[in-house]
Amino acid sequence: MEAEEFKRLLLPLADKLFRISRSLVKNDDEAKDIVQDTFLKLWEIRDKLAAIDNYEAFCIRMVKNLSLDYLKSARVRNENDKPGDEAAKNVSEESPEPDALNRMIENESGRIVGTLIDRLPDQQKEIIKLRHYSECSIEEIVSLTGMSAVNIRTILSRARKKIKEQFEKIFENELN
């Protein structure tokens, strides 16, 4: 594969690959690095890419694997153990403006939903992240996972239902 063909076929996937990586690693800078590493690896194997039928699915699988490798690395485990990070995140104003209050509520709701997603079984978690964070179509998820479209829709439905039930339970407990 020549440079022009590489640019034409693969570089347009960069935004999608970034969204997938960011949804997994939860860090913009690391996701950018992972996408850059993905393109470097793709460039290194460019002569073998002609055998690939679906470039997009291949690239998505590669960025997903690199993102998961990053998460497994000791560096991430060490960074997560830094003291004081959580305290810095929880600083708030004494009397926030209405817009600021709404943003705080939205951020807290998003954080709770993210936590609930992380508690899902691995298969549900992977598929809901691909669908909602990475904005993959059902067909793209089919090609990535090898599951049927019906199975993916069922898993998504069950995951959404579980998240909704747990979210409502959290707010019920807060009100009581």
Protein backbone atom coordinates (compact mmCIF):
# COMPACT_ATOMS: atom_id res chain seq x y z
CA MET A 1 0.00 0.00 0.00
CA GLU A 2 1.40 3.35 -1.03
CA ALA A 3 1.28 6.48 1.13
CA GLU A 4 -1.56 8.11 -0.84
CA GLU A 5 -3.74 5.00 -0.59
CA PHE A 6 -2.92 4.72 3.13
CA LYS A 7 -3.99 8.33 3.68
CA ARG A 8 -7.14 7.91 1.60
CA LEU A 9 -8.31 4.64 3.16
CA LEU A 10 -7.13 4.75 6.75
CA LEU A 11 -6.64 8.32 7.96
CA PRO A 12 -10.37 9.15 7.73
CA LEU A 13 -10.88 6.57 10.51
CA ALA A 14 -8.81 8.59 13.00
CA ASP A 15 -11.75 10.32 14.74
CA LYS A 16 -13.66 7.09 15.18
CA LEU A 17 -10.57 5.30 16.48
CA PHE A 18 -9.96 8.15 18.92
CA ARG A 19 -13.55 7.92 20.25
CA ILE A 20 -13.20 4.17 20.74
CA SER A 21 -9.89 4.48 22.53
CA ARG A 22 -11.08 7.40 24.68
CA SER A 23 -14.17 5.45 25.72
CA LEU A 24 -11.93 2.67 26.95
CA VAL A 25 -9.02 4.54 28.52
CA LYS A 26 -11.00 7.60 29.68
CA ASN A 27 -8.12 9.94 28.88
CA ASP A 28 -7.87 12.14 25.78
CA ASP A 29 -4.07 12.35 25.71
CA GLU A 30 -3.59 8.60 26.12
CA ALA A 31 -6.27 7.93 23.49
CA LYS A 32 -4.44 10.22 21.03
CA ASP A 33 -1.20 8.35 21.72
CA ILE A 34 -2.91 5.01 21.21
CA VAL A 35 -4.38 6.13 17.87
CA GLN A 36 -0.96 7.39 16.81
CA ASP A 37 0.56 4.02 17.78
CA THR A 38 -2.19 2.30 15.81
CA PHE A 39 -1.38 4.25 12.66
CA LEU A 40 2.34 3.61 13.17
CA LYS A 41 1.71 -0.14 13.41
CA LEU A 42 -0.58 0.02 10.38
CA TRP A 43 2.12 1.83 8.41
CA GLU A 44 4.68 -0.79 9.42
CA ILE A 45 2.44 -3.58 8.05
CA ARG A 46 1.11 -1.61 5.07
CA ASP A 47 2.36 -4.23 2.60
CA LYS A 48 0.19 -6.87 4.27
CA LEU A 49 -2.97 -4.74 4.42
CA ALA A 50 -4.05 -5.76 0.91
CA ALA A 51 -5.20 -9.08 2.40
CA ILE A 52 -7.63 -7.28 4.75
CA ASP A 53 -11.26 -7.22 3.57
CA ASN A 54 -12.57 -4.64 6.04
CA TYR A 55 -10.01 -1.95 6.90
CA GLU A 56 -12.31 -0.23 9.37
CA ALA A 57 -13.01 -3.36 11.42
CA PHE A 58 -9.30 -4.24 11.38
CA CYS A 59 -8.33 -0.75 12.61
CA ILE A 60 -11.03 -0.75 15.29
CA ARG A 61 -9.87 -4.14 16.56
CA MET A 62 -6.26 -2.91 16.62
CA VAL A 63 -7.05 0.31 18.53
CA LYS A 64 -9.24 -1.63 20.95
CA ASN A 65 -6.45 -4.12 21.64
CA LEU A 66 -3.89 -1.36 22.14
CA SER A 67 -6.29 0.46 24.48
CA LEU A 68 -6.85 -2.70 26.51
CA ASP A 69 -3.09 -3.28 26.64
CA TYR A 70 -2.69 0.24 27.98
CA LEU A 71 -5.29 -0.39 30.67
CA LYS A 72 -3.51 -3.57 31.72
CA SER A 73 -0.14 -1.90 32.00
CA ALA A 74 1.43 -1.35 35.38
CA ARG A 75 1.72 2.35 34.64
CA VAL A 76 -2.05 2.76 34.73
CA ARG A 77 -2.37 0.81 37.97
CA ASN A 78 0.27 3.06 39.54
CA GLU A 79 -1.40 6.24 38.30
CA ASN A 80 -4.72 5.13 39.75
CA ASP A 81 -3.17 4.81 43.20
CA LYS A 82 -2.14 8.48 43.49
CA PRO A 83 -3.55 9.99 46.68
CA GLY A 84 -5.55 13.20 46.59
CA ASP A 85 -6.87 12.91 43.03
CA GLU A 86 -10.42 12.21 44.18
CA ALA A 87 -10.40 15.10 46.62
CA ALA A 88 -9.37 17.50 43.87
CA LYS A 89 -12.24 16.29 41.67
CA ASN A 90 -14.84 16.84 44.39
CA VAL A 91 -14.13 20.52 45.06
CA SER A 92 -17.26 22.61 44.47
CA GLU A 93 -18.46 26.16 44.98
CA GLU A 94 -20.56 27.04 48.03
CA SER A 95 -23.46 28.61 46.11
CA PRO A 96 -23.29 27.69 42.45
CA GLU A 97 -25.17 29.56 39.72
CA PRO A 98 -28.21 27.73 38.25
CA ASP A 99 -26.30 26.86 35.06
CA ALA A 100 -23.34 25.65 37.09
CA LEU A 101 -25.67 23.59 39.27
CA ASN A 102 -27.23 21.98 36.20
CA ARG A 103 -23.77 21.16 34.84
CA MET A 104 -22.79 19.68 38.20
CA ILE A 105 -25.92 17.51 38.20
CA GLU A 106 -25.26 16.39 34.62
CA ASN A 107 -21.62 15.62 35.41
CA GLU A 108 -22.58 13.65 38.52
CA SER A 109 -25.26 11.74 36.60
CA GLY A 110 -22.75 10.97 33.86
CA ARG A 111 -20.22 9.80 36.44
CA ILE A 112 -22.81 7.52 38.05
CA VAL A 113 -23.84 6.06 34.68
CA GLY A 114 -20.15 5.50 33.84
CA THR A 115 -19.69 3.66 37.13
CA LEU A 116 -22.79 1.56 36.47
CA ILE A 117 -21.50 0.68 33.00
CA ASP A 118 -18.16 -0.35 34.48
CA ARG A 119 -20.02 -2.75 36.82
CA LEU A 120 -21.77 -4.54 33.95
CA PRO A 121 -20.59 -7.99 32.86
CA ASP A 122 -17.68 -7.69 30.42
CA GLN A 123 -19.68 -8.53 27.32
CA GLN A 124 -22.44 -6.00 28.09
CA LYS A 125 -19.87 -3.38 29.05
CA GLU A 126 -17.91 -3.84 25.82
CA ILE A 127 -20.97 -3.68 23.58
CA ILE A 128 -22.57 -0.68 25.31
CA LYS A 129 -19.28 1.24 25.12
CA LEU A 130 -18.86 0.41 21.44
CA ARG A 131 -22.42 1.49 20.70
CA HIS A 132 -22.75 4.61 22.85
CA TYR A 133 -19.24 5.92 23.45
CA SER A 134 -17.57 4.87 20.21
CA GLU A 135 -20.75 5.40 18.19
CA CYS A 136 -20.31 2.12 16.30
CA SER A 137 -23.24 0.85 14.27
CA ILE A 138 -24.75 -2.56 15.00
CA GLU A 139 -23.08 -3.84 11.82
CA GLU A 140 -19.68 -2.60 13.00
CA ILE A 141 -20.18 -4.29 16.37
CA VAL A 142 -21.15 -7.50 14.54
CA SER A 143 -17.88 -7.40 12.58
CA LEU A 144 -15.86 -6.64 15.73
CA THR A 145 -17.40 -9.25 18.01
CA GLY A 146 -18.58 -11.94 15.61
CA MET A 147 -21.97 -11.99 17.33
CA SER A 148 -25.27 -11.77 15.50
CA ALA A 149 -27.10 -8.45 15.25
CA VAL A 150 -30.03 -9.92 17.19
CA ASN A 151 -27.72 -11.00 20.00
CA ILE A 152 -26.09 -7.56 20.14
CA ARG A 153 -29.48 -5.82 20.32
CA THR A 154 -30.55 -8.16 23.13
CA ILE A 155 -27.35 -7.51 25.08
CA LEU A 156 -27.74 -3.74 24.60
CA SER A 157 -31.34 -3.87 25.76
CA ARG A 158 -30.47 -5.84 28.89
CA ALA A 159 -27.52 -3.58 29.70
CA ARG A 160 -29.62 -0.41 29.30
CA LYS A 161 -32.38 -1.89 31.45
CA LYS A 162 -29.92 -2.84 34.18
CA ILE A 163 -28.29 0.63 34.14
CA LYS A 164 -31.70 2.33 34.31
CA GLU A 165 -32.86 0.17 37.22
CA GLN A 166 -29.66 0.74 39.19
CA PHE A 167 -29.68 4.47 38.43
CA GLU A 168 -33.27 4.80 39.66
CA LYS A 169 -32.42 2.77 42.77
CA ILE A 170 -29.55 5.13 43.59
CA PHE A 171 -31.79 8.20 43.38
CA GLU A 172 -34.58 6.47 45.31
CA ASN A 173 -32.12 5.81 48.12
CA GLU A 174 -30.91 9.43 47.99
CA LEU A 175 -34.46 10.75 48.37
CA ASN A 176 -35.31 8.47 51.31
